[in-house]
Amino acid sequence: MKRFAVIILVLIVIYPIYYTNFFQAHFVSDQYYKSIFESPFDVSKKGERLLIPIIFKYRTEYDLIISIPKNDKKCFFSEKNTLKYKFTSGGKILKEGVTYSPSNASHYSASREGPLSAILLTFNLPFHEAEDGLVLVLEVVKPLTSFRKYSGSIICTVEPALMN
């Protein structure tokens, strides 16, 4: 009986630890860092819009990332324009603003041959004011002209932010 009580106590302690973001990020990272959205998005064309349905598994910080197929840092570092964003739910705007410009992105990632990615927006989920159907709307008001040569191969991704 004592052994059974010890096993139950250990399970009570281990089970919640296993389901923490820290544990998931460090020990099951392939699942934790899996993107919740990925789609082509041509940021070089004025008026382009992207509706991103937000369906998430972890209560944590997420990144909006823009990627091009080549490691073309000049493309990112020369671009000062931003994208307009808004989070909507149930017909209401919960938050809106502009992203970082690619030249002021908070983090860059690249391999030698590419792709090159930059974080343009970081946000926390869940939105407590959100009803069912949270959507992130991105809009190109001023085109990111330095990305024009990658038109058709620009990717937008939303994924959990890297945990330090």
N, C-alpha and C. Protein backbone atom coordinates (compact mmCIF):
# COMPACT_ATOMS: atom_id res chain seq x y z
N MET A 1 0.83 -1.20 0.00
CA MET A 1 0.00 0.00 0.00
C MET A 1 0.87 1.26 0.00
N LYS A 2 1.98 1.18 0.76
CA LYS A 2 2.90 2.31 0.83
C LYS A 2 3.51 2.60 -0.55
N ARG A 3 3.88 1.53 -1.23
CA ARG A 3 4.46 1.64 -2.56
C ARG A 3 3.47 2.29 -3.53
N PHE A 4 2.24 1.87 -3.47
CA PHE A 4 1.19 2.43 -4.32
C PHE A 4 1.01 3.93 -4.07
N ALA A 5 1.04 4.32 -2.81
CA ALA A 5 0.91 5.74 -2.43
C ALA A 5 2.08 6.55 -2.98
N VAL A 6 3.28 5.99 -2.93
CA VAL A 6 4.47 6.67 -3.45
C VAL A 6 4.36 6.83 -4.97
N ILE A 7 3.92 5.78 -5.66
CA ILE A 7 3.75 5.85 -7.12
C ILE A 7 2.73 6.92 -7.48
N ILE A 8 1.61 6.95 -6.78
CA ILE A 8 0.58 7.96 -7.04
C ILE A 8 1.13 9.37 -6.77
N LEU A 9 1.86 9.54 -5.70
CA LEU A 9 2.45 10.84 -5.38
C LEU A 9 3.43 11.28 -6.46
N VAL A 10 4.27 10.36 -6.93
CA VAL A 10 5.23 10.67 -7.99
C VAL A 10 4.48 11.08 -9.26
N LEU A 11 3.44 10.35 -9.62
CA LEU A 11 2.64 10.68 -10.81
C LEU A 11 1.98 12.04 -10.67
N ILE A 12 1.50 12.35 -9.49
CA ILE A 12 0.87 13.66 -9.26
C ILE A 12 1.88 14.78 -9.45
N VAL A 13 3.11 14.55 -9.09
CA VAL A 13 4.17 15.56 -9.24
C VAL A 13 4.66 15.62 -10.69
N ILE A 14 4.88 14.48 -11.33
CA ILE A 14 5.45 14.43 -12.68
C ILE A 14 4.46 14.86 -13.76
N TYR A 15 3.22 14.44 -13.64
CA TYR A 15 2.22 14.72 -14.68
C TYR A 15 2.12 16.22 -15.00
N PRO A 16 1.95 17.11 -14.01
CA PRO A 16 1.88 18.55 -14.34
C PRO A 16 3.18 19.09 -14.93
N ILE A 17 4.32 18.57 -14.49
CA ILE A 17 5.60 19.03 -15.02
C ILE A 17 5.69 18.70 -16.50
N TYR A 18 5.26 17.49 -16.87
CA TYR A 18 5.31 17.06 -18.27
C TYR A 18 4.53 18.00 -19.18
N TYR A 19 3.45 18.54 -18.68
CA TYR A 19 2.60 19.39 -19.51
C TYR A 19 2.90 20.88 -19.39
N THR A 20 4.01 21.26 -18.78
CA THR A 20 4.39 22.66 -18.75
C THR A 20 5.04 23.04 -20.08
N ASN A 21 4.94 24.31 -20.42
CA ASN A 21 5.57 24.79 -21.64
C ASN A 21 7.08 24.57 -21.61
N PHE A 22 7.70 24.77 -20.47
CA PHE A 22 9.15 24.60 -20.36
C PHE A 22 9.54 23.17 -20.72
N PHE A 23 8.86 22.20 -20.13
CA PHE A 23 9.17 20.80 -20.42
C PHE A 23 8.94 20.49 -21.89
N GLN A 24 7.79 20.90 -22.41
CA GLN A 24 7.45 20.63 -23.80
C GLN A 24 8.49 21.25 -24.74
N ALA A 25 8.87 22.49 -24.47
CA ALA A 25 9.82 23.19 -25.35
C ALA A 25 11.20 22.54 -25.35
N HIS A 26 11.62 22.02 -24.22
CA HIS A 26 12.96 21.47 -24.14
C HIS A 26 13.07 19.98 -24.41
N PHE A 27 12.01 19.24 -24.15
CA PHE A 27 12.10 17.79 -24.28
C PHE A 27 11.22 17.19 -25.38
N VAL A 28 10.26 17.96 -25.86
CA VAL A 28 9.42 17.50 -26.97
C VAL A 28 9.32 18.67 -27.97
N SER A 29 10.47 19.25 -28.27
CA SER A 29 10.52 20.49 -29.04
C SER A 29 9.94 20.35 -30.45
N ASP A 30 10.04 19.19 -31.06
CA ASP A 30 9.50 19.03 -32.41
C ASP A 30 7.99 19.21 -32.42
N GLN A 31 7.32 18.87 -31.33
CA GLN A 31 5.88 19.10 -31.23
C GLN A 31 5.58 20.52 -30.77
N TYR A 32 6.33 21.00 -29.79
CA TYR A 32 6.07 22.31 -29.20
C TYR A 32 6.24 23.43 -30.23
N TYR A 33 7.32 23.40 -30.99
CA TYR A 33 7.62 24.47 -31.93
C TYR A 33 6.98 24.30 -33.30
N LYS A 34 6.08 23.37 -33.42
CA LYS A 34 5.38 23.16 -34.68
C LYS A 34 4.53 24.40 -34.99
N SER A 35 4.63 24.88 -36.23
CA SER A 35 3.90 26.10 -36.59
C SER A 35 2.40 25.85 -36.54
N ILE A 36 1.66 26.90 -36.16
CA ILE A 36 0.20 26.80 -36.13
C ILE A 36 -0.41 27.38 -37.41
N PHE A 37 0.44 28.03 -38.22
CA PHE A 37 -0.02 28.57 -39.50
C PHE A 37 1.18 28.78 -40.40
N GLU A 38 1.00 28.46 -41.69
CA GLU A 38 2.03 28.72 -42.70
C GLU A 38 1.34 28.88 -44.04
N SER A 39 1.69 29.99 -44.74
CA SER A 39 1.06 30.25 -46.03
C SER A 39 1.90 31.24 -46.83
N PRO A 40 1.81 31.15 -48.15
CA PRO A 40 2.43 32.19 -48.97
C PRO A 40 1.74 33.53 -48.71
N PHE A 41 2.51 34.60 -48.75
CA PHE A 41 1.96 35.95 -48.55
C PHE A 41 2.87 36.94 -49.24
N ASP A 42 2.38 37.56 -50.30
CA ASP A 42 3.20 38.48 -51.08
C ASP A 42 3.18 39.88 -50.48
N VAL A 43 4.17 40.17 -49.66
CA VAL A 43 4.27 41.45 -48.97
C VAL A 43 4.74 42.57 -49.89
N SER A 44 5.07 42.24 -51.14
CA SER A 44 5.54 43.26 -52.09
C SER A 44 4.39 43.87 -52.89
N LYS A 45 3.16 43.41 -52.67
CA LYS A 45 2.00 43.91 -53.41
C LYS A 45 1.04 44.66 -52.50
N LYS A 46 0.81 45.92 -52.80
CA LYS A 46 -0.12 46.74 -52.03
C LYS A 46 -1.51 46.13 -52.06
N GLY A 47 -2.17 46.12 -50.91
CA GLY A 47 -3.52 45.61 -50.82
C GLY A 47 -3.64 44.13 -50.50
N GLU A 48 -2.52 43.40 -50.53
CA GLU A 48 -2.57 41.97 -50.20
C GLU A 48 -3.02 41.82 -48.75
N ARG A 49 -3.88 40.84 -48.51
CA ARG A 49 -4.38 40.56 -47.15
C ARG A 49 -4.24 39.07 -46.88
N LEU A 50 -3.98 38.77 -45.64
CA LEU A 50 -3.88 37.39 -45.21
C LEU A 50 -4.69 37.24 -43.93
N LEU A 51 -5.64 36.31 -43.92
CA LEU A 51 -6.43 36.02 -42.74
C LEU A 51 -5.86 34.75 -42.11
N ILE A 52 -5.41 34.88 -40.87
CA ILE A 52 -4.77 33.77 -40.18
C ILE A 52 -5.67 33.31 -39.03
N PRO A 53 -6.35 32.17 -39.19
CA PRO A 53 -7.14 31.65 -38.07
C PRO A 53 -6.19 31.16 -36.98
N ILE A 54 -6.43 31.62 -35.76
CA ILE A 54 -5.54 31.29 -34.66
C ILE A 54 -6.12 30.11 -33.87
N ILE A 55 -5.51 28.95 -34.07
CA ILE A 55 -5.86 27.74 -33.33
C ILE A 55 -4.56 27.26 -32.70
N PHE A 56 -4.49 27.30 -31.39
CA PHE A 56 -3.23 27.03 -30.72
C PHE A 56 -3.39 25.96 -29.65
N LYS A 57 -2.26 25.37 -29.29
CA LYS A 57 -2.24 24.31 -28.28
C LYS A 57 -1.65 24.82 -26.96
N TYR A 58 -0.68 25.73 -27.04
CA TYR A 58 0.04 26.16 -25.85
C TYR A 58 -0.29 27.60 -25.49
N ARG A 59 -0.44 27.86 -24.21
CA ARG A 59 -0.62 29.22 -23.70
C ARG A 59 0.77 29.81 -23.52
N THR A 60 1.20 30.55 -24.54
CA THR A 60 2.57 31.06 -24.54
C THR A 60 2.69 32.23 -25.51
N GLU A 61 3.91 32.67 -25.73
CA GLU A 61 4.21 33.74 -26.68
C GLU A 61 4.41 33.13 -28.06
N TYR A 62 3.87 33.80 -29.08
CA TYR A 62 3.97 33.33 -30.46
C TYR A 62 4.65 34.40 -31.31
N ASP A 63 5.29 33.95 -32.39
CA ASP A 63 5.97 34.85 -33.33
C ASP A 63 5.29 34.78 -34.69
N LEU A 64 5.19 35.94 -35.33
CA LEU A 64 4.79 36.04 -36.74
C LEU A 64 6.09 36.21 -37.51
N ILE A 65 6.35 35.28 -38.42
CA ILE A 65 7.64 35.24 -39.12
C ILE A 65 7.41 35.37 -40.62
N ILE A 66 8.27 36.13 -41.27
CA ILE A 66 8.25 36.24 -42.73
C ILE A 66 9.55 35.64 -43.25
N SER A 67 9.47 34.85 -44.31
CA SER A 67 10.65 34.15 -44.83
C SER A 67 10.76 34.29 -46.34
N ILE A 68 12.00 34.34 -46.81
CA ILE A 68 12.29 34.31 -48.25
C ILE A 68 13.21 33.12 -48.50
N PRO A 69 13.25 32.59 -49.73
CA PRO A 69 14.00 31.35 -49.97
C PRO A 69 15.52 31.49 -49.95
N LYS A 70 16.06 32.68 -50.07
CA LYS A 70 17.52 32.86 -50.12
C LYS A 70 18.00 33.64 -48.89
N ASN A 71 19.27 33.48 -48.58
CA ASN A 71 19.86 34.23 -47.49
C ASN A 71 20.28 35.61 -48.01
N ASP A 72 19.28 36.44 -48.28
CA ASP A 72 19.48 37.77 -48.87
C ASP A 72 19.25 38.82 -47.79
N LYS A 73 20.28 39.03 -46.96
CA LYS A 73 20.15 39.96 -45.85
C LYS A 73 19.88 41.39 -46.31
N LYS A 74 20.40 41.75 -47.47
CA LYS A 74 20.19 43.10 -48.00
C LYS A 74 18.69 43.38 -48.17
N CYS A 75 17.96 42.37 -48.60
CA CYS A 75 16.51 42.49 -48.78
C CYS A 75 15.85 42.89 -47.46
N PHE A 76 16.22 42.26 -46.36
CA PHE A 76 15.64 42.55 -45.05
C PHE A 76 16.15 43.87 -44.48
N PHE A 77 17.45 44.07 -44.53
CA PHE A 77 18.04 45.23 -43.86
C PHE A 77 17.71 46.56 -44.54
N SER A 78 17.34 46.53 -45.81
CA SER A 78 17.02 47.77 -46.51
C SER A 78 15.53 48.13 -46.44
N GLU A 79 14.70 47.23 -45.93
CA GLU A 79 13.24 47.45 -45.95
C GLU A 79 12.76 48.13 -44.67
N LYS A 80 12.18 49.32 -44.82
CA LYS A 80 11.70 50.10 -43.67
C LYS A 80 10.18 50.03 -43.48
N ASN A 81 9.43 49.60 -44.50
CA ASN A 81 7.97 49.56 -44.40
C ASN A 81 7.52 48.45 -43.46
N THR A 82 6.28 48.57 -43.00
CA THR A 82 5.71 47.61 -42.06
C THR A 82 4.40 47.05 -42.62
N LEU A 83 3.87 46.05 -41.97
CA LEU A 83 2.57 45.50 -42.31
C LEU A 83 1.57 45.94 -41.24
N LYS A 84 0.34 46.13 -41.65
CA LYS A 84 -0.72 46.46 -40.69
C LYS A 84 -1.30 45.14 -40.19
N TYR A 85 -1.57 45.06 -38.88
CA TYR A 85 -2.19 43.85 -38.34
C TYR A 85 -3.35 44.21 -37.43
N LYS A 86 -4.27 43.26 -37.31
CA LYS A 86 -5.33 43.38 -36.30
C LYS A 86 -5.79 41.98 -35.91
N PHE A 87 -6.08 41.84 -34.63
CA PHE A 87 -6.65 40.62 -34.10
C PHE A 87 -8.14 40.85 -33.96
N THR A 88 -8.94 39.96 -34.55
CA THR A 88 -10.39 40.10 -34.48
C THR A 88 -11.01 38.83 -33.92
N SER A 89 -12.17 39.03 -33.31
CA SER A 89 -12.93 37.89 -32.79
C SER A 89 -14.39 38.31 -32.67
N GLY A 90 -15.27 37.50 -33.22
CA GLY A 90 -16.70 37.80 -33.13
C GLY A 90 -17.06 39.15 -33.71
N GLY A 91 -16.36 39.57 -34.75
CA GLY A 91 -16.65 40.85 -35.39
C GLY A 91 -16.04 42.06 -34.69
N LYS A 92 -15.32 41.85 -33.59
CA LYS A 92 -14.70 42.96 -32.85
C LYS A 92 -13.20 42.96 -33.07
N ILE A 93 -12.63 44.16 -33.14
CA ILE A 93 -11.17 44.30 -33.20
C ILE A 93 -10.65 44.33 -31.76
N LEU A 94 -9.79 43.37 -31.43
CA LEU A 94 -9.24 43.26 -30.08
C LEU A 94 -7.94 44.03 -29.92
N LYS A 95 -7.15 44.04 -30.99
CA LYS A 95 -5.86 44.74 -30.95
C LYS A 95 -5.45 45.00 -32.39
N GLU A 96 -4.84 46.16 -32.63
CA GLU A 96 -4.34 46.46 -33.97
C GLU A 96 -3.10 47.32 -33.87
N GLY A 97 -2.35 47.33 -34.97
CA GLY A 97 -1.12 48.10 -35.00
C GLY A 97 -0.33 47.78 -36.25
N VAL A 98 0.97 48.03 -36.17
CA VAL A 98 1.86 47.70 -37.29
C VAL A 98 2.96 46.80 -36.77
N THR A 99 3.47 45.94 -37.65
CA THR A 99 4.55 45.03 -37.30
C THR A 99 5.87 45.79 -37.26
N TYR A 100 6.91 45.12 -36.84
CA TYR A 100 8.25 45.65 -37.02
C TYR A 100 8.53 45.67 -38.51
N SER A 101 9.38 46.58 -38.93
CA SER A 101 9.85 46.52 -40.32
C SER A 101 10.90 45.41 -40.38
N PRO A 102 11.11 44.80 -41.55
CA PRO A 102 12.15 43.78 -41.64
C PRO A 102 13.52 44.28 -41.19
N SER A 103 13.82 45.57 -41.40
CA SER A 103 15.12 46.09 -40.98
C SER A 103 15.22 46.23 -39.45
N ASN A 104 14.07 46.26 -38.77
CA ASN A 104 14.06 46.37 -37.31
C ASN A 104 13.50 45.11 -36.65
N ALA A 105 13.52 44.00 -37.35
CA ALA A 105 12.99 42.75 -36.81
C ALA A 105 13.72 42.37 -35.53
N SER A 106 13.02 41.67 -34.65
CA SER A 106 13.60 41.32 -33.36
C SER A 106 14.56 40.14 -33.43
N HIS A 107 14.51 39.35 -34.50
CA HIS A 107 15.39 38.18 -34.62
C HIS A 107 15.44 37.73 -36.07
N TYR A 108 16.63 37.33 -36.51
CA TYR A 108 16.81 36.81 -37.86
C TYR A 108 17.34 35.38 -37.76
N SER A 109 16.97 34.57 -38.73
CA SER A 109 17.46 33.20 -38.76
C SER A 109 17.73 32.82 -40.20
N ALA A 110 18.88 32.21 -40.43
CA ALA A 110 19.23 31.81 -41.81
C ALA A 110 20.26 30.71 -41.81
N SER A 111 20.24 29.96 -42.86
CA SER A 111 21.34 29.03 -43.14
C SER A 111 22.14 29.67 -44.27
N ARG A 112 23.21 29.07 -44.65
CA ARG A 112 24.07 29.63 -45.69
C ARG A 112 23.34 29.85 -47.01
N GLU A 113 22.58 28.87 -47.42
CA GLU A 113 21.87 28.95 -48.71
C GLU A 113 20.47 29.55 -48.56
N GLY A 114 19.94 29.57 -47.38
CA GLY A 114 18.59 30.09 -47.15
C GLY A 114 17.76 29.03 -46.49
N PRO A 115 16.57 29.29 -46.13
CA PRO A 115 15.88 30.55 -46.25
C PRO A 115 16.33 31.55 -45.19
N LEU A 116 15.88 32.79 -45.36
CA LEU A 116 16.13 33.83 -44.37
C LEU A 116 14.77 34.22 -43.79
N SER A 117 14.71 34.26 -42.47
CA SER A 117 13.46 34.57 -41.78
C SER A 117 13.68 35.68 -40.77
N ALA A 118 12.60 36.43 -40.49
CA ALA A 118 12.65 37.47 -39.48
C ALA A 118 11.33 37.51 -38.73
N ILE A 119 11.41 37.77 -37.43
CA ILE A 119 10.22 37.91 -36.59
C ILE A 119 9.72 39.34 -36.70
N LEU A 120 8.50 39.50 -37.20
CA LEU A 120 7.93 40.84 -37.37
C LEU A 120 6.94 41.21 -36.27
N LEU A 121 6.47 40.22 -35.51
CA LEU A 121 5.49 40.49 -34.46
C LEU A 121 5.54 39.36 -33.45
N THR A 122 5.44 39.72 -32.17
CA THR A 122 5.37 38.74 -31.09
C THR A 122 4.12 39.05 -30.28
N PHE A 123 3.36 38.01 -29.92
CA PHE A 123 2.12 38.21 -29.16
C PHE A 123 1.84 37.00 -28.29
N ASN A 124 1.07 37.21 -27.25
CA ASN A 124 0.72 36.14 -26.31
C ASN A 124 -0.66 35.59 -26.61
N LEU A 125 -0.80 34.29 -26.46
CA LEU A 125 -2.10 33.62 -26.59
C LEU A 125 -2.37 32.89 -25.29
N PRO A 126 -3.58 32.85 -24.84
CA PRO A 126 -4.80 33.30 -25.52
C PRO A 126 -5.07 34.78 -25.30
N PHE A 127 -5.95 35.32 -26.13
CA PHE A 127 -6.51 36.65 -25.92
C PHE A 127 -7.73 36.43 -25.03
N HIS A 128 -7.71 36.97 -23.84
CA HIS A 128 -8.80 36.70 -22.90
C HIS A 128 -10.13 37.30 -23.34
N GLU A 129 -10.08 38.35 -24.15
CA GLU A 129 -11.31 38.99 -24.64
C GLU A 129 -11.90 38.24 -25.82
N ALA A 130 -11.14 37.30 -26.37
CA ALA A 130 -11.56 36.63 -27.60
C ALA A 130 -12.70 35.66 -27.35
N GLU A 131 -13.63 35.70 -28.26
CA GLU A 131 -14.68 34.69 -28.28
C GLU A 131 -14.16 33.57 -29.17
N ASP A 132 -15.05 32.76 -29.70
CA ASP A 132 -14.61 31.74 -30.65
C ASP A 132 -14.14 32.42 -31.92
N GLY A 133 -13.15 31.82 -32.56
CA GLY A 133 -12.73 32.30 -33.87
C GLY A 133 -11.81 33.50 -33.87
N LEU A 134 -10.70 33.44 -33.15
CA LEU A 134 -9.70 34.50 -33.18
C LEU A 134 -8.98 34.47 -34.53
N VAL A 135 -8.87 35.64 -35.18
CA VAL A 135 -8.23 35.74 -36.49
C VAL A 135 -7.23 36.89 -36.46
N LEU A 136 -6.04 36.64 -36.98
CA LEU A 136 -5.04 37.68 -37.18
C LEU A 136 -5.11 38.08 -38.64
N VAL A 137 -5.37 39.36 -38.90
CA VAL A 137 -5.47 39.88 -40.26
C VAL A 137 -4.22 40.70 -40.55
N LEU A 138 -3.50 40.34 -41.60
CA LEU A 138 -2.33 41.10 -42.04
C LEU A 138 -2.68 41.79 -43.34
N GLU A 139 -2.23 43.04 -43.48
CA GLU A 139 -2.51 43.79 -44.71
C GLU A 139 -1.28 44.58 -45.12
N VAL A 140 -1.03 44.56 -46.43
CA VAL A 140 0.08 45.33 -46.99
C VAL A 140 -0.47 46.69 -47.39
N VAL A 141 -0.19 47.72 -46.59
CA VAL A 141 -0.62 49.08 -46.91
C VAL A 141 0.46 49.76 -47.75
N LYS A 142 1.71 49.64 -47.30
CA LYS A 142 2.86 50.10 -48.07
C LYS A 142 3.68 48.87 -48.43
N PRO A 143 3.78 48.54 -49.70
CA PRO A 143 4.49 47.32 -50.10
C PRO A 143 5.94 47.28 -49.60
N LEU A 144 6.38 46.09 -49.27
CA LEU A 144 7.78 45.88 -48.90
C LEU A 144 8.52 45.65 -50.23
N THR A 145 8.93 46.75 -50.85
CA THR A 145 9.44 46.71 -52.23
C THR A 145 10.73 45.90 -52.38
N SER A 146 11.55 45.83 -51.34
CA SER A 146 12.79 45.05 -51.45
C SER A 146 12.52 43.56 -51.57
N PHE A 147 11.29 43.13 -51.31
CA PHE A 147 10.91 41.71 -51.41
C PHE A 147 10.35 41.36 -52.79
N ARG A 148 10.25 42.35 -53.66
CA ARG A 148 9.62 42.15 -54.97
C ARG A 148 10.23 40.99 -55.75
N LYS A 149 11.55 40.82 -55.69
CA LYS A 149 12.18 39.75 -56.47
C LYS A 149 11.84 38.36 -55.93
N TYR A 150 11.23 38.29 -54.75
CA TYR A 150 10.82 37.00 -54.17
C TYR A 150 9.30 36.81 -54.23
N SER A 151 8.63 37.66 -54.99
CA SER A 151 7.18 37.55 -55.15
C SER A 151 6.82 36.12 -55.56
N GLY A 152 5.86 35.56 -54.87
CA GLY A 152 5.44 34.19 -55.14
C GLY A 152 6.14 33.14 -54.29
N SER A 153 7.20 33.53 -53.58
CA SER A 153 7.90 32.56 -52.74
C SER A 153 8.15 33.09 -51.32
N ILE A 154 7.38 34.09 -50.91
CA ILE A 154 7.47 34.64 -49.56
C ILE A 154 6.48 33.86 -48.69
N ILE A 155 6.95 33.43 -47.53
CA ILE A 155 6.13 32.62 -46.64
C ILE A 155 5.91 33.35 -45.31
N CYS A 156 4.68 33.28 -44.83
CA CYS A 156 4.32 33.82 -43.52
C CYS A 156 4.01 32.63 -42.59
N THR A 157 4.59 32.66 -41.40
CA THR A 157 4.43 31.57 -40.44
C THR A 157 4.12 32.13 -39.05
N VAL A 158 3.30 31.39 -38.30
CA VAL A 158 3.07 31.70 -36.89
C VAL A 158 3.44 30.45 -36.11
N GLU A 159 4.31 30.63 -35.11
CA GLU A 159 4.77 29.50 -34.29
C GLU A 159 5.12 29.98 -32.90
N PRO A 160 5.19 29.07 -31.92
CA PRO A 160 5.60 29.48 -30.57
C PRO A 160 6.98 30.12 -30.60
N ALA A 161 7.13 31.17 -29.79
CA ALA A 161 8.41 31.86 -29.69
C ALA A 161 9.42 30.95 -29.00
N LEU A 162 10.70 31.11 -29.35
CA LEU A 162 11.76 30.33 -28.72
C LEU A 162 11.81 30.63 -27.23
N MET A 163 11.91 29.59 -26.45
CA MET A 163 11.97 29.74 -25.01
C MET A 163 13.44 29.80 -24.60
N ASN A 164 13.79 30.80 -23.82
CA ASN A 164 15.19 30.95 -23.35
C ASN A 164 15.48 30.04 -22.19
